[in-house]
Amino acid sequence: MARKHDLPLHEVRRYLEPGPVVLVTSCHADERDVMVMGWHTVMEFSPSLIGCVISSANHSHGLIRASGECVINLPTTRQLEAVLGVGSTTGAEIDKFAAFGLTPEASEQVAAPSIRECHAQFECRLHDDSLVGRYDFFIWEVVAARVAPRPRHPETLHYKGDGTFMVSGKVIRRNRAGLK
């Protein structure tokens, strides 16, 4: 194995990004928005809790704080151009749904719209906001979830920084004796 070299500490995230890029939709009063998010983590299985960072500098932050709800939508490689567009604009200036060809559809349990083109949709209500003031870290409870039946393992996008994405790879399955 090649000798390892020092890594600048601000680049650690490029190796530890927790999961696929998602599109978070929100609304409050008569305003709606969609934002790109890559910093999220599963925190509990039941109830299903997801933690994430939503910067207070982001337009969606205010809508999410006011409503206490959002939808986490899972795009695939087919939505790459929309992901790039959403991530490089602000909902304070444009309707990102219209600008990037995303179809809002009614959600079941929350007021925030879901995105029809995304592979999966996870409707969330705020579970714990005790870390929002200090870290912009929200803890959500998933209250409804929908996923397309195919493909079972979609090609999702994983952001590595500097405009570089990694696409989810082949699925491997290994069962160890005694584990299910």
N, C-alpha and C. Protein backbone atom coordinates (compact mmCIF):
# COMPACT_ATOMS: atom_id res chain seq x y z
N MET A 1 0.85 -1.18 0.00
CA MET A 1 0.00 0.00 0.00
C MET A 1 0.89 1.24 0.00
N ALA A 2 0.48 2.22 -0.76
CA ALA A 2 1.25 3.47 -0.85
C ALA A 2 1.24 4.20 0.49
N ARG A 3 2.30 4.92 0.73
CA ARG A 3 2.40 5.70 1.97
C ARG A 3 1.34 6.80 1.96
N LYS A 4 0.67 6.97 3.06
CA LYS A 4 -0.37 7.99 3.19
C LYS A 4 0.27 9.35 3.41
N HIS A 5 -0.42 10.40 2.95
CA HIS A 5 0.07 11.77 3.14
C HIS A 5 -0.93 12.53 4.00
N ASP A 6 -0.49 13.63 4.56
CA ASP A 6 -1.37 14.47 5.38
C ASP A 6 -2.49 15.03 4.52
N LEU A 7 -3.66 15.14 5.12
CA LEU A 7 -4.84 15.67 4.46
C LEU A 7 -5.26 16.95 5.18
N PRO A 8 -5.49 18.03 4.46
CA PRO A 8 -6.00 19.24 5.12
C PRO A 8 -7.31 18.91 5.84
N LEU A 9 -7.45 19.35 7.06
CA LEU A 9 -8.60 18.97 7.87
C LEU A 9 -9.94 19.37 7.27
N HIS A 10 -9.97 20.47 6.51
CA HIS A 10 -11.24 20.89 5.91
C HIS A 10 -11.67 19.95 4.77
N GLU A 11 -10.82 19.02 4.37
CA GLU A 11 -11.17 18.07 3.31
C GLU A 11 -11.62 16.71 3.84
N VAL A 12 -11.62 16.52 5.16
CA VAL A 12 -12.04 15.25 5.74
C VAL A 12 -13.43 14.86 5.25
N ARG A 13 -14.34 15.82 5.13
CA ARG A 13 -15.72 15.53 4.72
C ARG A 13 -15.80 14.83 3.38
N ARG A 14 -14.83 15.03 2.52
CA ARG A 14 -14.86 14.40 1.20
C ARG A 14 -14.76 12.89 1.28
N TYR A 15 -14.26 12.40 2.39
CA TYR A 15 -14.15 10.96 2.59
C TYR A 15 -15.26 10.40 3.46
N LEU A 16 -15.94 11.26 4.19
CA LEU A 16 -16.93 10.80 5.15
C LEU A 16 -18.35 11.28 4.89
N GLU A 17 -18.62 11.86 3.74
CA GLU A 17 -19.98 12.31 3.46
C GLU A 17 -20.94 11.16 3.77
N PRO A 18 -21.98 11.44 4.52
CA PRO A 18 -22.81 10.37 5.06
C PRO A 18 -23.78 9.70 4.10
N GLY A 19 -24.08 10.27 2.97
CA GLY A 19 -25.06 9.63 2.13
C GLY A 19 -25.33 10.40 0.86
N PRO A 20 -26.37 10.01 0.16
CA PRO A 20 -26.66 10.64 -1.13
C PRO A 20 -27.13 12.07 -0.99
N VAL A 21 -26.91 12.83 -2.04
CA VAL A 21 -27.46 14.17 -2.13
C VAL A 21 -28.97 14.05 -2.19
N VAL A 22 -29.65 14.92 -1.46
CA VAL A 22 -31.12 14.92 -1.47
C VAL A 22 -31.61 16.32 -1.79
N LEU A 23 -32.86 16.41 -2.20
CA LEU A 23 -33.53 17.69 -2.43
C LEU A 23 -34.56 17.86 -1.32
N VAL A 24 -34.41 18.90 -0.53
CA VAL A 24 -35.32 19.16 0.59
C VAL A 24 -36.32 20.22 0.17
N THR A 25 -37.59 19.88 0.27
CA THR A 25 -38.65 20.83 -0.07
C THR A 25 -39.30 21.33 1.21
N SER A 26 -39.72 22.60 1.14
CA SER A 26 -40.34 23.23 2.30
C SER A 26 -41.37 24.24 1.82
N CYS A 27 -42.24 24.63 2.74
CA CYS A 27 -43.17 25.72 2.43
C CYS A 27 -43.67 26.31 3.74
N HIS A 28 -44.06 27.55 3.64
CA HIS A 28 -44.70 28.24 4.76
C HIS A 28 -45.52 29.37 4.16
N ALA A 29 -46.75 29.50 4.67
CA ALA A 29 -47.69 30.48 4.14
C ALA A 29 -47.84 30.24 2.64
N ASP A 30 -47.55 31.21 1.79
CA ASP A 30 -47.71 31.03 0.35
C ASP A 30 -46.36 30.88 -0.36
N GLU A 31 -45.31 30.56 0.37
CA GLU A 31 -43.98 30.44 -0.22
C GLU A 31 -43.47 29.00 -0.11
N ARG A 32 -42.80 28.54 -1.16
CA ARG A 32 -42.21 27.20 -1.16
C ARG A 32 -40.78 27.29 -1.68
N ASP A 33 -39.99 26.27 -1.38
CA ASP A 33 -38.60 26.26 -1.85
C ASP A 33 -38.11 24.82 -1.92
N VAL A 34 -37.01 24.66 -2.62
CA VAL A 34 -36.30 23.38 -2.68
C VAL A 34 -34.81 23.70 -2.59
N MET A 35 -34.09 22.88 -1.84
CA MET A 35 -32.65 23.07 -1.65
C MET A 35 -31.94 21.73 -1.76
N VAL A 36 -30.65 21.78 -2.06
CA VAL A 36 -29.82 20.59 -2.10
C VAL A 36 -29.20 20.40 -0.72
N MET A 37 -29.14 19.14 -0.27
CA MET A 37 -28.51 18.85 1.01
C MET A 37 -27.68 17.58 0.90
N GLY A 38 -26.49 17.63 1.45
CA GLY A 38 -25.63 16.45 1.48
C GLY A 38 -25.23 16.04 2.88
N TRP A 39 -25.52 16.88 3.87
CA TRP A 39 -25.11 16.58 5.25
C TRP A 39 -26.30 16.08 6.04
N HIS A 40 -26.47 14.76 6.06
CA HIS A 40 -27.58 14.15 6.80
C HIS A 40 -27.14 12.77 7.29
N THR A 41 -27.85 12.30 8.31
CA THR A 41 -27.51 11.00 8.88
C THR A 41 -28.73 10.36 9.52
N VAL A 42 -28.85 9.05 9.39
CA VAL A 42 -29.89 8.32 10.09
C VAL A 42 -29.50 8.27 11.56
N MET A 43 -30.44 8.60 12.44
CA MET A 43 -30.13 8.65 13.87
C MET A 43 -30.85 7.57 14.66
N GLU A 44 -31.96 7.09 14.15
CA GLU A 44 -32.74 6.07 14.86
C GLU A 44 -33.61 5.36 13.83
N PHE A 45 -33.91 4.09 14.11
CA PHE A 45 -34.74 3.31 13.19
C PHE A 45 -36.22 3.44 13.48
N SER A 46 -36.59 3.38 14.77
CA SER A 46 -38.00 3.46 15.12
C SER A 46 -38.15 4.22 16.44
N PRO A 47 -38.69 5.44 16.41
CA PRO A 47 -39.19 6.10 15.20
C PRO A 47 -38.03 6.45 14.27
N SER A 48 -38.35 6.59 13.00
CA SER A 48 -37.32 6.89 12.01
C SER A 48 -36.90 8.35 12.16
N LEU A 49 -35.66 8.56 12.64
CA LEU A 49 -35.14 9.91 12.86
C LEU A 49 -33.95 10.17 11.94
N ILE A 50 -33.95 11.35 11.34
CA ILE A 50 -32.88 11.79 10.46
C ILE A 50 -32.37 13.13 10.96
N GLY A 51 -31.05 13.25 11.09
CA GLY A 51 -30.45 14.52 11.47
C GLY A 51 -29.81 15.16 10.27
N CYS A 52 -29.83 16.49 10.22
CA CYS A 52 -29.22 17.18 9.08
C CYS A 52 -28.86 18.61 9.42
N VAL A 53 -27.94 19.15 8.64
CA VAL A 53 -27.56 20.54 8.75
C VAL A 53 -28.24 21.33 7.63
N ILE A 54 -28.96 22.37 8.03
CA ILE A 54 -29.55 23.31 7.07
C ILE A 54 -29.10 24.69 7.53
N SER A 55 -28.20 25.26 6.79
CA SER A 55 -27.58 26.53 7.17
C SER A 55 -28.61 27.65 7.30
N SER A 56 -28.43 28.49 8.30
CA SER A 56 -29.31 29.64 8.47
C SER A 56 -29.13 30.65 7.33
N ALA A 57 -28.06 30.50 6.56
CA ALA A 57 -27.85 31.36 5.39
C ALA A 57 -28.68 30.90 4.19
N ASN A 58 -29.28 29.73 4.27
CA ASN A 58 -30.06 29.17 3.18
C ASN A 58 -31.50 29.69 3.26
N HIS A 59 -32.08 30.04 2.14
CA HIS A 59 -33.45 30.56 2.10
C HIS A 59 -34.45 29.58 2.72
N SER A 60 -34.25 28.29 2.52
CA SER A 60 -35.16 27.27 3.05
C SER A 60 -35.19 27.25 4.58
N HIS A 61 -34.10 27.65 5.20
CA HIS A 61 -34.00 27.59 6.66
C HIS A 61 -35.18 28.30 7.33
N GLY A 62 -35.49 29.49 6.88
CA GLY A 62 -36.59 30.25 7.47
C GLY A 62 -37.94 29.57 7.28
N LEU A 63 -38.18 29.02 6.10
CA LEU A 63 -39.44 28.32 5.85
C LEU A 63 -39.56 27.08 6.74
N ILE A 64 -38.45 26.38 6.89
CA ILE A 64 -38.44 25.16 7.69
C ILE A 64 -38.60 25.49 9.17
N ARG A 65 -37.95 26.54 9.65
CA ARG A 65 -38.09 26.94 11.05
C ARG A 65 -39.54 27.34 11.34
N ALA A 66 -40.16 28.04 10.41
CA ALA A 66 -41.53 28.51 10.61
C ALA A 66 -42.55 27.38 10.55
N SER A 67 -42.33 26.40 9.68
CA SER A 67 -43.31 25.33 9.49
C SER A 67 -43.04 24.09 10.33
N GLY A 68 -41.78 23.83 10.64
CA GLY A 68 -41.43 22.62 11.38
C GLY A 68 -41.61 21.36 10.55
N GLU A 69 -41.58 21.50 9.22
CA GLU A 69 -41.80 20.37 8.32
C GLU A 69 -40.91 20.49 7.09
N CYS A 70 -40.70 19.36 6.44
CA CYS A 70 -40.03 19.33 5.14
C CYS A 70 -40.26 17.97 4.51
N VAL A 71 -39.85 17.85 3.26
CA VAL A 71 -39.82 16.55 2.59
C VAL A 71 -38.40 16.36 2.09
N ILE A 72 -37.82 15.21 2.39
CA ILE A 72 -36.50 14.85 1.88
C ILE A 72 -36.74 13.96 0.68
N ASN A 73 -36.38 14.47 -0.51
CA ASN A 73 -36.61 13.78 -1.78
C ASN A 73 -35.28 13.22 -2.29
N LEU A 74 -35.29 11.98 -2.76
CA LEU A 74 -34.07 11.32 -3.22
C LEU A 74 -33.98 11.35 -4.75
N PRO A 75 -33.13 12.24 -5.31
CA PRO A 75 -32.94 12.25 -6.76
C PRO A 75 -31.98 11.15 -7.20
N THR A 76 -31.97 10.88 -8.48
CA THR A 76 -31.03 9.92 -9.05
C THR A 76 -30.17 10.67 -10.07
N THR A 77 -29.33 9.94 -10.76
CA THR A 77 -28.46 10.55 -11.76
C THR A 77 -29.29 11.25 -12.84
N ARG A 78 -30.52 10.84 -13.06
CA ARG A 78 -31.37 11.48 -14.06
C ARG A 78 -31.70 12.93 -13.69
N GLN A 79 -31.61 13.27 -12.42
CA GLN A 79 -31.91 14.63 -11.99
C GLN A 79 -30.65 15.46 -11.73
N LEU A 80 -29.49 15.03 -12.23
CA LEU A 80 -28.24 15.74 -11.96
C LEU A 80 -28.31 17.21 -12.33
N GLU A 81 -28.81 17.53 -13.51
CA GLU A 81 -28.85 18.94 -13.93
C GLU A 81 -29.77 19.76 -13.02
N ALA A 82 -30.88 19.18 -12.60
CA ALA A 82 -31.76 19.89 -11.67
C ALA A 82 -31.07 20.09 -10.32
N VAL A 83 -30.36 19.08 -9.85
CA VAL A 83 -29.62 19.19 -8.59
C VAL A 83 -28.61 20.32 -8.67
N LEU A 84 -27.86 20.38 -9.77
CA LEU A 84 -26.87 21.45 -9.95
C LEU A 84 -27.53 22.82 -9.97
N GLY A 85 -28.65 22.94 -10.68
CA GLY A 85 -29.35 24.21 -10.76
C GLY A 85 -29.91 24.65 -9.42
N VAL A 86 -30.56 23.73 -8.73
CA VAL A 86 -31.13 24.05 -7.41
C VAL A 86 -30.03 24.47 -6.45
N GLY A 87 -28.90 23.78 -6.50
CA GLY A 87 -27.81 24.07 -5.57
C GLY A 87 -27.06 25.35 -5.85
N SER A 88 -27.26 25.93 -7.03
CA SER A 88 -26.51 27.14 -7.36
C SER A 88 -27.39 28.38 -7.46
N THR A 89 -28.63 28.29 -6.96
CA THR A 89 -29.55 29.42 -6.98
C THR A 89 -30.23 29.57 -5.63
N THR A 90 -30.93 30.67 -5.45
CA THR A 90 -31.67 30.87 -4.21
C THR A 90 -33.17 31.00 -4.51
N GLY A 91 -33.94 30.36 -3.67
CA GLY A 91 -35.40 30.45 -3.78
C GLY A 91 -35.94 31.82 -3.42
N ALA A 92 -35.09 32.67 -2.87
CA ALA A 92 -35.51 34.04 -2.59
C ALA A 92 -35.68 34.83 -3.89
N GLU A 93 -35.06 34.34 -4.97
CA GLU A 93 -35.10 35.07 -6.24
C GLU A 93 -35.88 34.37 -7.35
N ILE A 94 -35.96 33.03 -7.31
CA ILE A 94 -36.66 32.31 -8.38
C ILE A 94 -37.49 31.16 -7.82
N ASP A 95 -38.44 30.68 -8.61
CA ASP A 95 -39.18 29.46 -8.29
C ASP A 95 -38.35 28.30 -8.84
N LYS A 96 -37.67 27.61 -7.97
CA LYS A 96 -36.76 26.55 -8.41
C LYS A 96 -37.51 25.37 -9.04
N PHE A 97 -38.73 25.11 -8.61
CA PHE A 97 -39.51 24.03 -9.22
C PHE A 97 -39.68 24.30 -10.71
N ALA A 98 -40.17 25.48 -11.04
CA ALA A 98 -40.40 25.84 -12.44
C ALA A 98 -39.09 25.96 -13.21
N ALA A 99 -38.09 26.59 -12.60
CA ALA A 99 -36.83 26.84 -13.30
C ALA A 99 -36.09 25.56 -13.67
N PHE A 100 -36.25 24.49 -12.88
CA PHE A 100 -35.46 23.28 -13.12
C PHE A 100 -36.31 22.04 -13.43
N GLY A 101 -37.56 22.27 -13.83
CA GLY A 101 -38.41 21.18 -14.31
C GLY A 101 -38.77 20.16 -13.25
N LEU A 102 -38.97 20.62 -12.02
CA LEU A 102 -39.36 19.72 -10.93
C LEU A 102 -40.86 19.87 -10.68
N THR A 103 -41.56 18.76 -10.58
CA THR A 103 -43.00 18.77 -10.42
C THR A 103 -43.37 18.63 -8.95
N PRO A 104 -43.93 19.69 -8.33
CA PRO A 104 -44.37 19.54 -6.95
C PRO A 104 -45.67 18.75 -6.90
N GLU A 105 -45.78 17.87 -5.92
CA GLU A 105 -47.03 17.14 -5.74
C GLU A 105 -47.37 17.12 -4.25
N ALA A 106 -48.63 17.01 -3.96
CA ALA A 106 -49.09 17.04 -2.57
C ALA A 106 -48.49 15.89 -1.78
N SER A 107 -48.09 16.19 -0.58
CA SER A 107 -47.61 15.17 0.34
C SER A 107 -48.79 14.66 1.17
N GLU A 108 -48.59 13.56 1.88
CA GLU A 108 -49.67 12.95 2.64
C GLU A 108 -49.82 13.52 4.04
N GLN A 109 -48.70 13.79 4.72
CA GLN A 109 -48.74 14.15 6.13
C GLN A 109 -48.23 15.56 6.45
N VAL A 110 -47.56 16.20 5.50
CA VAL A 110 -47.00 17.53 5.74
C VAL A 110 -47.43 18.46 4.61
N ALA A 111 -47.34 19.76 4.86
CA ALA A 111 -47.74 20.74 3.85
C ALA A 111 -46.70 20.91 2.75
N ALA A 112 -45.43 20.65 3.05
CA ALA A 112 -44.38 20.81 2.05
C ALA A 112 -44.63 19.86 0.88
N PRO A 113 -44.38 20.32 -0.34
CA PRO A 113 -44.60 19.44 -1.50
C PRO A 113 -43.50 18.40 -1.64
N SER A 114 -43.84 17.29 -2.27
CA SER A 114 -42.86 16.28 -2.67
C SER A 114 -42.49 16.56 -4.12
N ILE A 115 -41.41 15.94 -4.60
CA ILE A 115 -40.98 16.11 -6.00
C ILE A 115 -41.26 14.82 -6.74
N ARG A 116 -42.17 14.89 -7.71
CA ARG A 116 -42.61 13.71 -8.45
C ARG A 116 -41.45 12.95 -9.11
N GLU A 117 -40.48 13.66 -9.67
CA GLU A 117 -39.40 13.01 -10.42
C GLU A 117 -38.41 12.24 -9.54
N CYS A 118 -38.43 12.46 -8.24
CA CYS A 118 -37.46 11.80 -7.35
C CYS A 118 -37.86 10.35 -7.06
N HIS A 119 -36.86 9.53 -6.83
CA HIS A 119 -37.06 8.09 -6.60
C HIS A 119 -37.80 7.81 -5.30
N ALA A 120 -37.53 8.60 -4.27
CA ALA A 120 -38.16 8.39 -2.98
C ALA A 120 -38.47 9.73 -2.34
N GLN A 121 -39.47 9.72 -1.43
CA GLN A 121 -39.90 10.93 -0.74
C GLN A 121 -40.12 10.57 0.73
N PHE A 122 -39.51 11.34 1.62
CA PHE A 122 -39.62 11.11 3.06
C PHE A 122 -40.17 12.38 3.71
N GLU A 123 -41.42 12.31 4.12
CA GLU A 123 -42.07 13.45 4.75
C GLU A 123 -41.65 13.52 6.21
N CYS A 124 -41.25 14.72 6.64
CA CYS A 124 -40.67 14.87 7.97
C CYS A 124 -41.32 15.97 8.78
N ARG A 125 -41.41 15.72 10.09
CA ARG A 125 -41.80 16.75 11.06
C ARG A 125 -40.65 16.93 12.04
N LEU A 126 -40.48 18.16 12.48
CA LEU A 126 -39.40 18.46 13.41
C LEU A 126 -39.58 17.67 14.70
N HIS A 127 -38.54 16.95 15.08
CA HIS A 127 -38.55 16.12 16.29
C HIS A 127 -37.79 16.82 17.42
N ASP A 128 -36.67 17.46 17.07
CA ASP A 128 -35.82 18.08 18.08
C ASP A 128 -35.05 19.23 17.42
N ASP A 129 -35.19 20.42 17.96
CA ASP A 129 -34.46 21.57 17.41
C ASP A 129 -33.46 22.15 18.40
N SER A 130 -33.07 21.37 19.40
CA SER A 130 -32.18 21.89 20.44
C SER A 130 -30.78 22.24 19.93
N LEU A 131 -30.38 21.73 18.78
CA LEU A 131 -29.05 22.02 18.22
C LEU A 131 -29.10 23.01 17.05
N VAL A 132 -30.28 23.50 16.73
CA VAL A 132 -30.41 24.40 15.58
C VAL A 132 -29.73 25.73 15.85
N GLY A 133 -29.94 26.32 17.00
CA GLY A 133 -29.36 27.62 17.29
C GLY A 133 -27.84 27.64 17.24
N ARG A 134 -27.24 26.55 17.69
CA ARG A 134 -25.77 26.51 17.75
C ARG A 134 -25.13 25.94 16.48
N TYR A 135 -25.76 24.90 15.90
CA TYR A 135 -25.13 24.19 14.77
C TYR A 135 -25.98 24.12 13.50
N ASP A 136 -27.17 24.70 13.50
CA ASP A 136 -28.12 24.55 12.38
C ASP A 136 -28.44 23.08 12.13
N PHE A 137 -28.43 22.27 13.20
CA PHE A 137 -28.65 20.83 13.09
C PHE A 137 -30.08 20.51 13.52
N PHE A 138 -30.86 19.98 12.58
CA PHE A 138 -32.26 19.62 12.79
C PHE A 138 -32.36 18.10 12.96
N ILE A 139 -33.26 17.67 13.82
CA ILE A 139 -33.57 16.24 13.92
C ILE A 139 -35.03 16.07 13.53
N TRP A 140 -35.24 15.28 12.47
CA TRP A 140 -36.56 15.08 11.88
C TRP A 140 -37.08 13.68 12.18
N GLU A 141 -38.40 13.57 12.33
CA GLU A 141 -39.05 12.27 12.37
C GLU A 141 -39.74 12.07 11.02
N VAL A 142 -39.46 10.96 10.37
CA VAL A 142 -40.12 10.64 9.11
C VAL A 142 -41.52 10.14 9.46
N VAL A 143 -42.54 10.82 8.93
CA VAL A 143 -43.93 10.48 9.24
C VAL A 143 -44.65 9.80 8.08
N ALA A 144 -44.06 9.83 6.90
CA ALA A 144 -44.59 9.13 5.73
C ALA A 144 -43.43 8.94 4.76
N ALA A 145 -43.44 7.81 4.05
CA ALA A 145 -42.35 7.51 3.11
C ALA A 145 -42.91 6.77 1.91
N ARG A 146 -42.40 7.16 0.73
CA ARG A 146 -42.78 6.50 -0.52
C ARG A 146 -41.52 6.28 -1.34
N VAL A 147 -41.48 5.16 -2.06
CA VAL A 147 -40.32 4.85 -2.91
C VAL A 147 -40.82 4.18 -4.18
N ALA A 148 -40.18 4.50 -5.30
CA ALA A 148 -40.53 3.86 -6.58
C ALA A 148 -40.17 2.37 -6.49
N PRO A 149 -40.96 1.51 -7.10
CA PRO A 149 -40.68 0.08 -7.02
C PRO A 149 -39.42 -0.35 -7.78
N ARG A 150 -39.05 0.41 -8.81
CA ARG A 150 -37.86 0.06 -9.59
C ARG A 150 -37.10 1.31 -9.97
N PRO A 151 -35.80 1.26 -10.05
CA PRO A 151 -34.96 0.15 -9.67
C PRO A 151 -34.88 0.03 -8.14
N ARG A 152 -34.60 -1.15 -7.68
CA ARG A 152 -34.52 -1.37 -6.24
C ARG A 152 -33.34 -0.61 -5.64
N HIS A 153 -32.25 -0.53 -6.38
CA HIS A 153 -31.05 0.20 -5.94
C HIS A 153 -30.73 1.28 -6.98
N PRO A 154 -31.33 2.46 -6.84
CA PRO A 154 -31.12 3.52 -7.85
C PRO A 154 -29.71 4.08 -7.81
N GLU A 155 -29.30 4.67 -8.91
CA GLU A 155 -28.01 5.34 -8.98
C GLU A 155 -28.16 6.72 -8.35
N THR A 156 -27.68 6.86 -7.13
CA THR A 156 -27.78 8.13 -6.42
C THR A 156 -26.47 8.89 -6.52
N LEU A 157 -26.56 10.19 -6.25
CA LEU A 157 -25.41 11.09 -6.35
C LEU A 157 -24.82 11.34 -4.97
N HIS A 158 -23.51 11.31 -4.88
CA HIS A 158 -22.81 11.58 -3.62
C HIS A 158 -21.78 12.67 -3.89
N TYR A 159 -21.95 13.83 -3.24
CA TYR A 159 -21.11 14.98 -3.51
C TYR A 159 -19.78 14.87 -2.78
N LYS A 160 -18.69 15.07 -3.51
CA LYS A 160 -17.34 14.98 -2.95
C LYS A 160 -16.67 16.34 -2.79
N GLY A 161 -17.31 17.41 -3.25
CA GLY A 161 -16.73 18.75 -3.18
C GLY A 161 -16.15 19.16 -4.52
N ASP A 162 -15.99 20.45 -4.70
CA ASP A 162 -15.40 21.02 -5.91
C ASP A 162 -16.08 20.55 -7.20
N GLY A 163 -17.40 20.38 -7.17
CA GLY A 163 -18.14 19.99 -8.37
C GLY A 163 -17.99 18.53 -8.75
N THR A 164 -17.47 17.71 -7.85
CA THR A 164 -17.26 16.29 -8.13
C THR A 164 -18.32 15.45 -7.42
N PHE A 165 -18.94 14.55 -8.18
CA PHE A 165 -19.92 13.63 -7.62
C PHE A 165 -19.44 12.20 -7.82
N MET A 166 -19.83 11.34 -6.91
CA MET A 166 -19.61 9.91 -7.06
C MET A 166 -21.01 9.31 -7.22
N VAL A 167 -21.15 8.32 -8.06
CA VAL A 167 -22.44 7.65 -8.27
C VAL A 167 -22.41 6.35 -7.49
N SER A 168 -23.52 6.05 -6.81
CA SER A 168 -23.57 4.81 -6.05
C SER A 168 -23.19 3.65 -6.95
N GLY A 169 -22.43 2.72 -6.41
CA GLY A 169 -21.88 1.63 -7.21
C GLY A 169 -22.68 0.36 -7.13
N LYS A 170 -22.03 -0.71 -7.52
CA LYS A 170 -22.72 -1.99 -7.54
C LYS A 170 -23.07 -2.41 -6.12
N VAL A 171 -24.11 -3.19 -5.99
CA VAL A 171 -24.57 -3.66 -4.69
C VAL A 171 -23.95 -5.03 -4.44
N ILE A 172 -23.36 -5.18 -3.28
CA ILE A 172 -22.84 -6.50 -2.88
C ILE A 172 -23.54 -6.91 -1.60
N ARG A 173 -23.79 -8.18 -1.48
CA ARG A 173 -24.51 -8.67 -0.31
C ARG A 173 -23.73 -9.83 0.27
N ARG A 174 -23.48 -9.78 1.54
CA ARG A 174 -22.80 -10.85 2.25
C ARG A 174 -23.54 -11.13 3.54
N ASN A 175 -23.90 -12.36 3.76
CA ASN A 175 -24.52 -12.76 5.01
C ASN A 175 -23.54 -13.59 5.81
N ARG A 176 -23.36 -13.21 7.04
CA ARG A 176 -22.51 -14.01 7.92
C ARG A 176 -23.39 -14.98 8.66
N ALA A 177 -22.87 -16.14 8.96
CA ALA A 177 -23.63 -17.17 9.68
C ALA A 177 -24.21 -16.60 10.96
N GLY A 178 -25.49 -16.84 11.17
CA GLY A 178 -26.15 -16.38 12.39
C GLY A 178 -26.68 -14.96 12.35
N LEU A 179 -26.36 -14.19 11.32
CA LEU A 179 -26.87 -12.83 11.21
C LEU A 179 -27.93 -12.77 10.12
N LYS A 180 -28.96 -12.00 10.37
CA LYS A 180 -30.02 -11.86 9.38
C LYS A 180 -30.14 -10.44 8.94
